[in-house]
Amino acid sequence: MKVSSLNWKETNKQKVVSAEKAIGFIKPGRRVFIGSGAGEPLDLVEALSAHTGLSDTEIIHILTLGVAPYTDQKLGERFRHNAYFIGPNVRDAVSEGRADYTPIFLSEIPRLFRNRRVVIDFALIAVSEPDAHSYCSHGVSTDIVKSAAESAKVVIAEISPHMPRTLGDCFIHVDDIDFLVPSEREVMEAPQGAPDELSKRIGRHISSLVEDGSTLQLGIGKIPDAVLYYLADSGQKNLGIHTEMFSDGVIPLIEKGIINNRAKSIHRGKIVASFVMGSRKLYDFIDNNPLIEFHPTEYTNDPFIIAQNSKMIAVDSTLKCKRAM
């Protein structure tokens, strides 16, 4: 059961508005940040894309799971997207020159926001319902969302009862939110399919290299999922997690006691991550779960923090690049 303030709409009624009204405050020529991954505020994104009074509006974000209608060629005069991570929903726009790409480490993005080298006029984010102390959790996506919300001139938060209340350095007080947009949207899911044969072969080999007491970083894709698949029955013990993200694959290892974080050098006994993407089962698992701490990417992805973990193993995937003709 979530620890929520049941009357938050009444308590903050001066801030409660519809998505359309909130987006109506955005003027042409502004920079708009959109929340990450499964925490993309879909109602706000739809209202933003339908706002006909905009022009020369810059959109920035990292990976988002939803559609990116602002990259549509028809809306080119209204929006220009600058990607800090090229996800599937913006890849065509970037490759065709209709959107920009800024290559940068995730750990360095928050500094751009905080020192105002990248000024955020509006931050559109998704959060959990306020708790009894009027704090909302960033839920499934803390990553760069926390620094964006803390740096933006105006914060518009889409609040859904379906967003899990995660724990760690991942909260924002209602007083720091300018507009509250109630939503009944479910959190977007990213179901993980079974690994294919090639992924299984690679995953089996990598899992054999993991020593007892190792701390794992897990990326996105079939290979990291396959590694977890084989670790579930490979005999290793006392594994820990310090990662940018994780998905459903960690749950069986936690239930079997393989991942217990007892041998970690820092944050012993805790899983540390900045965001998650997966099924509703995963979102229910992380809800109010003191096993898991969410931190922003300036912490989770800081190489000096990562280096403090002994037996640190990073498992990531790469994308095949097309040869330019």
Protein backbone atom coordinates (compact mmCIF):
# COMPACT_ATOMS: atom_id res chain seq x y z
CA MET A 1 0.00 0.00 0.00
CA LYS A 2 1.42 3.40 -0.94
CA VAL A 3 2.09 6.04 1.67
CA SER A 4 0.17 8.85 0.00
CA SER A 5 -1.57 12.06 0.95
CA LEU A 6 -5.13 11.15 0.05
CA ASN A 7 -6.30 14.76 -0.17
CA TRP A 8 -3.34 16.12 -2.15
CA LYS A 9 -5.60 17.53 -4.87
CA GLU A 10 -7.58 19.55 -2.36
CA THR A 11 -4.51 20.61 -0.39
CA ASN A 12 -2.79 21.85 -3.55
CA LYS A 13 -5.87 22.81 -5.58
CA GLN A 14 -4.29 26.10 -6.71
CA LYS A 15 -1.66 24.06 -8.58
CA VAL A 16 -3.89 21.29 -9.97
CA VAL A 17 -4.59 21.82 -13.67
CA SER A 18 -5.23 19.80 -16.80
CA ALA A 19 -2.38 18.81 -19.10
CA GLU A 20 -3.66 21.20 -21.76
CA LYS A 21 -3.79 24.17 -19.38
CA ALA A 22 -0.32 23.46 -18.01
CA ILE A 23 1.20 23.18 -21.48
CA GLY A 24 -0.57 26.41 -22.44
CA PHE A 25 1.91 28.33 -20.28
CA ILE A 26 4.77 27.34 -22.60
CA LYS A 27 5.65 30.14 -25.03
CA PRO A 28 7.54 29.94 -28.34
CA GLY A 29 11.31 29.78 -28.27
CA ARG A 30 11.60 27.91 -24.97
CA ARG A 31 13.60 24.80 -24.06
CA VAL A 32 11.51 21.91 -22.72
CA PHE A 33 12.84 18.87 -20.87
CA ILE A 34 10.85 15.60 -21.00
CA GLY A 35 11.13 12.88 -18.35
CA SER A 36 12.98 9.66 -19.10
CA GLY A 37 12.33 6.04 -19.96
CA ALA A 38 9.15 4.53 -18.57
CA GLY A 39 8.67 7.76 -16.64
CA GLU A 40 7.81 9.77 -19.73
CA PRO A 41 4.75 11.96 -18.90
CA LEU A 42 2.53 10.84 -21.78
CA ASP A 43 -0.42 13.15 -21.13
CA LEU A 44 1.90 16.15 -21.12
CA VAL A 45 3.75 15.00 -24.24
CA GLU A 46 0.48 14.60 -26.11
CA ALA A 47 -0.71 18.04 -25.00
CA LEU A 48 2.65 19.56 -25.96
CA SER A 49 2.54 18.06 -29.45
CA ALA A 50 -1.04 19.32 -29.94
CA HIS A 51 -0.20 22.88 -28.83
CA THR A 52 -0.50 24.88 -32.05
CA GLY A 53 0.81 28.12 -30.54
CA LEU A 54 4.43 26.99 -30.37
CA SER A 55 7.40 27.62 -32.63
CA ASP A 56 11.17 27.27 -32.30
CA THR A 57 10.73 25.05 -29.24
CA GLU A 58 13.72 22.88 -28.30
CA ILE A 59 12.96 19.45 -26.79
CA ILE A 60 15.64 17.65 -24.78
CA HIS A 61 15.68 14.25 -23.09
CA ILE A 62 17.49 10.93 -22.95
CA LEU A 63 15.83 7.59 -23.75
CA THR A 64 12.02 7.66 -23.63
CA LEU A 65 9.75 4.64 -24.12
CA GLY A 66 6.77 6.45 -25.61
CA VAL A 67 6.25 7.96 -29.01
CA ALA A 68 8.01 11.19 -29.92
CA PRO A 69 5.42 13.10 -31.98
CA TYR A 70 7.49 16.30 -31.76
CA THR A 71 10.00 14.72 -34.18
CA ASP A 72 7.33 14.42 -36.89
CA GLN A 73 8.41 16.24 -40.02
CA LYS A 74 5.05 18.05 -40.09
CA LEU A 75 5.87 19.72 -36.77
CA GLY A 76 9.35 20.86 -37.81
CA GLU A 77 8.51 24.55 -37.45
CA ARG A 78 7.24 24.03 -33.92
CA PHE A 79 9.87 21.72 -32.46
CA ARG A 80 13.54 20.85 -32.74
CA HIS A 81 14.72 17.85 -30.75
CA ASN A 82 18.18 17.62 -29.22
CA ALA A 83 18.86 14.05 -28.09
CA TYR A 84 21.29 13.26 -25.27
CA PHE A 85 20.61 9.57 -25.97
CA ILE A 86 19.41 8.26 -29.32
CA GLY A 87 16.52 5.92 -28.61
CA PRO A 88 14.43 4.06 -31.21
CA ASN A 89 11.71 6.73 -31.22
CA VAL A 90 14.08 9.52 -32.35
CA ARG A 91 16.69 7.55 -34.31
CA ASP A 92 15.20 8.26 -37.74
CA ALA A 93 14.85 11.98 -37.03
CA VAL A 94 18.50 12.21 -35.95
CA SER A 95 19.80 10.18 -38.90
CA GLU A 96 17.77 12.32 -41.34
CA GLY A 97 19.02 15.58 -39.83
CA ARG A 98 15.63 16.61 -38.43
CA ALA A 99 16.92 16.32 -34.86
CA ASP A 100 20.26 16.92 -33.20
CA TYR A 101 22.44 14.70 -31.03
CA THR A 102 24.70 15.91 -28.23
CA PRO A 103 27.20 13.18 -27.27
CA ILE A 104 27.79 13.32 -23.53
CA PHE A 105 28.19 10.99 -20.56
CA LEU A 106 25.02 10.60 -18.50
CA SER A 107 27.00 11.51 -15.39
CA GLU A 108 27.84 14.90 -16.91
CA ILE A 109 24.38 16.00 -18.08
CA PRO A 110 23.17 17.22 -14.65
CA ARG A 111 26.11 19.62 -14.46
CA LEU A 112 24.94 21.27 -17.68
CA PHE A 113 21.56 21.90 -16.07
CA ARG A 114 22.82 23.04 -12.69
CA ASN A 115 25.42 25.51 -13.97
CA ARG A 116 22.91 26.86 -16.52
CA ARG A 117 25.01 26.04 -19.58
CA VAL A 118 21.78 24.39 -20.70
CA VAL A 119 18.90 26.45 -19.33
CA ILE A 120 15.68 24.48 -18.91
CA ASP A 121 12.60 26.66 -19.17
CA PHE A 122 10.05 23.89 -18.56
CA ALA A 123 10.54 20.41 -17.12
CA LEU A 124 7.77 17.92 -17.88
CA ILE A 125 8.09 15.01 -15.48
CA ALA A 126 6.09 12.07 -14.07
CA VAL A 127 6.02 11.40 -10.33
CA SER A 128 4.22 9.39 -7.69
CA GLU A 129 1.41 10.82 -5.61
CA PRO A 130 2.59 13.03 -2.72
CA ASP A 131 3.20 11.18 0.54
CA ALA A 132 2.02 12.34 3.95
CA HIS A 133 4.91 14.83 4.03
CA SER A 134 4.12 16.26 0.55
CA TYR A 135 7.06 14.57 -1.15
CA CYS A 136 6.63 12.94 -4.56
CA SER A 137 9.00 10.22 -5.74
CA HIS A 138 10.53 10.29 -9.20
CA GLY A 139 9.47 6.66 -9.36
CA VAL A 140 10.90 4.58 -12.18
CA SER A 141 13.21 7.36 -13.47
CA THR A 142 15.47 9.47 -11.28
CA ASP A 143 18.46 9.54 -13.71
CA ILE A 144 18.75 13.11 -15.07
CA VAL A 145 15.13 13.96 -14.21
CA LYS A 146 15.98 15.04 -10.66
CA SER A 147 18.60 17.57 -11.73
CA ALA A 148 16.36 18.82 -14.55
CA ALA A 149 13.47 19.41 -12.14
CA GLU A 150 15.74 21.12 -9.62
CA SER A 151 17.18 23.40 -12.31
CA ALA A 152 14.10 24.25 -14.40
CA LYS A 153 12.36 27.60 -14.26
CA VAL A 154 8.96 25.86 -14.31
CA VAL A 155 8.20 22.26 -13.28
CA ILE A 156 5.05 20.52 -14.54
CA ALA A 157 4.48 17.13 -12.94
CA GLU A 158 2.11 14.45 -14.17
CA ILE A 159 0.96 12.54 -11.07
CA SER A 160 -0.35 9.00 -11.35
CA PRO A 161 -1.40 6.55 -8.62
CA HIS A 162 0.26 3.85 -10.73
CA MET A 163 3.75 5.34 -10.39
CA PRO A 164 5.70 3.41 -7.72
CA ARG A 165 7.07 5.31 -4.76
CA THR A 166 10.75 4.49 -4.92
CA LEU A 167 13.28 5.27 -2.21
CA GLY A 168 16.68 6.92 -2.10
CA ASP A 169 17.83 10.31 -3.41
CA CYS A 170 14.76 10.53 -5.61
CA PHE A 171 12.19 12.89 -4.12
CA ILE A 172 10.74 16.28 -4.98
CA HIS A 173 8.54 18.34 -2.66
CA VAL A 174 5.19 19.61 -3.89
CA ASP A 175 6.35 23.15 -3.09
CA ASP A 176 9.00 22.75 -5.81
CA ILE A 177 6.42 21.83 -8.46
CA ASP A 178 4.58 24.64 -10.24
CA PHE A 179 1.71 22.66 -11.80
CA LEU A 180 0.25 19.29 -10.77
CA VAL A 181 -1.49 17.32 -13.53
CA PRO A 182 -3.54 14.34 -12.29
CA SER A 183 -3.36 11.29 -14.56
CA GLU A 184 -4.65 7.75 -14.56
CA ARG A 185 -2.00 6.58 -17.02
CA GLU A 186 -0.33 3.28 -16.32
CA VAL A 187 3.46 3.36 -16.26
CA MET A 188 4.77 2.20 -19.63
CA GLU A 189 6.13 -1.34 -19.67
CA ALA A 190 9.14 -2.75 -21.49
CA PRO A 191 8.66 -6.54 -21.38
CA GLN A 192 11.82 -8.56 -21.83
CA GLY A 193 11.58 -11.42 -24.31
CA ALA A 194 13.46 -14.69 -24.02
CA PRO A 195 17.11 -14.46 -25.18
CA ASP A 196 17.82 -15.77 -28.69
CA GLU A 197 20.44 -18.48 -29.26
CA LEU A 198 23.31 -16.08 -29.94
CA SER A 199 22.49 -14.04 -26.85
CA LYS A 200 22.33 -17.22 -24.80
CA ARG A 201 25.79 -18.31 -25.95
CA ILE A 202 27.27 -14.92 -25.13
CA GLY A 203 25.38 -14.70 -21.84
CA ARG A 204 26.50 -18.16 -20.77
CA HIS A 205 30.14 -17.25 -21.40
CA ILE A 206 29.94 -13.92 -19.58
CA SER A 207 28.18 -15.45 -16.59
CA SER A 208 31.09 -17.87 -16.17
CA LEU A 209 33.41 -14.88 -15.67
CA VAL A 210 31.42 -13.47 -12.75
CA GLU A 211 33.07 -14.23 -9.42
CA ASP A 212 31.39 -14.61 -6.04
CA GLY A 213 30.94 -11.21 -4.41
CA SER A 214 30.96 -9.27 -7.68
CA THR A 215 29.01 -6.03 -8.13
CA LEU A 216 27.20 -5.80 -11.46
CA GLN A 217 26.28 -2.96 -13.78
CA LEU A 218 23.66 -3.98 -16.32
CA GLY A 219 22.86 -2.21 -19.56
CA ILE A 220 19.90 -2.44 -21.89
CA GLY A 221 19.42 -5.31 -24.29
CA LYS A 222 19.41 -9.05 -24.83
CA ILE A 223 22.99 -9.67 -23.68
CA PRO A 224 22.61 -8.30 -20.13
CA ASP A 225 19.29 -10.15 -19.85
CA ALA A 226 20.94 -13.38 -20.98
CA VAL A 227 23.70 -12.98 -18.39
CA LEU A 228 21.10 -12.70 -15.63
CA TYR A 229 19.29 -15.71 -17.07
CA TYR A 230 22.37 -17.91 -16.61
CA LEU A 231 23.46 -16.40 -13.32
CA ALA A 232 20.19 -17.65 -11.83
CA ASP A 233 21.52 -21.23 -11.97
CA SER A 234 25.29 -20.88 -12.26
CA GLY A 235 26.18 -21.14 -8.57
CA GLN A 236 27.59 -17.69 -7.84
CA LYS A 237 26.67 -16.09 -4.54
CA ASN A 238 26.72 -12.75 -2.74
CA LEU A 239 26.33 -10.67 -5.89
CA GLY A 240 25.50 -6.96 -5.74
CA ILE A 241 24.07 -4.32 -8.05
CA HIS A 242 25.35 -0.80 -8.73
CA THR A 243 23.92 0.15 -12.08
CA GLU A 244 22.44 2.81 -14.26
CA MET A 245 19.34 0.64 -14.82
CA PHE A 246 17.92 -2.82 -14.32
CA SER A 247 14.89 -4.79 -15.39
CA ASP A 248 12.85 -7.87 -14.40
CA GLY A 249 15.83 -10.20 -14.73
CA VAL A 250 17.18 -9.31 -11.29
CA ILE A 251 14.04 -10.43 -9.45
CA PRO A 252 14.64 -14.22 -9.68
CA LEU A 253 18.23 -13.73 -8.48
CA ILE A 254 17.06 -11.67 -5.51
CA GLU A 255 14.40 -14.26 -4.64
CA LYS A 256 17.04 -17.02 -4.76
CA GLY A 257 19.42 -15.01 -2.57
CA ILE A 258 22.08 -14.84 -5.31
CA ILE A 259 21.84 -11.05 -5.34
CA ASN A 260 22.00 -9.98 -1.70
CA ASN A 261 24.50 -7.07 -1.88
CA ARG A 262 26.32 -8.33 1.23
CA ALA A 263 29.78 -8.15 -0.35
CA LYS A 264 29.45 -4.64 -1.80
CA SER A 265 32.12 -2.13 -0.86
CA ILE A 266 29.67 0.79 -0.67
CA HIS A 267 25.92 0.77 -0.07
CA ARG A 268 26.24 -2.69 1.41
CA GLY A 269 22.90 -4.48 1.45
CA LYS A 270 21.39 -2.15 -1.16
CA ILE A 271 20.76 -2.21 -4.91
CA VAL A 272 21.74 1.17 -6.36
CA ALA A 273 20.25 2.32 -9.67
CA SER A 274 19.06 5.47 -11.43
CA PHE A 275 16.09 4.07 -13.38
CA VAL A 276 14.24 0.88 -14.28
CA MET A 277 12.32 -0.35 -17.30
CA GLY A 278 10.32 -3.55 -17.28
CA SER A 279 6.96 -5.07 -16.44
CA ARG A 280 4.31 -4.12 -13.91
CA LYS A 281 5.75 -6.89 -11.72
CA LEU A 282 9.03 -4.98 -11.55
CA TYR A 283 7.28 -1.69 -10.74
CA ASP A 284 5.35 -3.35 -7.92
CA PHE A 285 8.60 -4.92 -6.68
CA ILE A 286 10.39 -1.58 -6.34
CA ASP A 287 7.43 0.21 -4.74
CA ASN A 288 8.41 1.26 -1.20
CA ASN A 289 11.14 -1.41 -1.25
CA PRO A 290 14.02 -0.44 1.10
CA LEU A 291 16.29 -2.92 -0.68
CA ILE A 292 16.59 -0.51 -3.60
CA GLU A 293 18.00 3.02 -3.62
CA PHE A 294 17.51 5.30 -6.60
CA HIS A 295 20.12 7.98 -7.20
CA PRO A 296 20.67 10.48 -10.02
CA THR A 297 23.17 9.68 -12.76
CA GLU A 298 25.75 12.15 -11.46
CA TYR A 299 26.14 9.61 -8.65
CA THR A 300 25.40 6.18 -10.14
CA ASN A 301 27.47 6.84 -13.28
CA ASP A 302 30.31 8.75 -11.63
CA PRO A 303 33.49 6.73 -12.36
CA PHE A 304 34.98 7.71 -9.00
CA ILE A 305 31.93 6.25 -7.22
CA ILE A 306 31.89 3.14 -9.41
CA ALA A 307 35.62 2.56 -8.74
CA GLN A 308 34.89 2.14 -5.03
CA ASN A 309 33.10 -1.14 -5.76
CA SER A 310 35.43 -4.13 -5.63
CA LYS A 311 34.99 -6.83 -8.32
CA MET A 312 32.98 -4.43 -10.45
CA ILE A 313 31.65 -5.99 -13.67
CA ALA A 314 29.87 -4.00 -16.38
CA VAL A 315 27.68 -5.82 -18.92
CA ASP A 316 26.51 -3.74 -21.87
CA SER A 317 25.52 -4.09 -25.52
CA THR A 318 26.34 -2.12 -28.65
CA LEU A 319 24.34 -1.33 -31.76
CA LYS A 320 25.53 -2.24 -35.22
CA CYS A 321 26.28 0.92 -37.16
CA LYS A 322 25.36 1.38 -40.81
CA ARG A 323 28.27 2.19 -43.07
CA ALA A 324 27.99 5.63 -44.63
CA MET A 325 27.93 5.52 -48.44
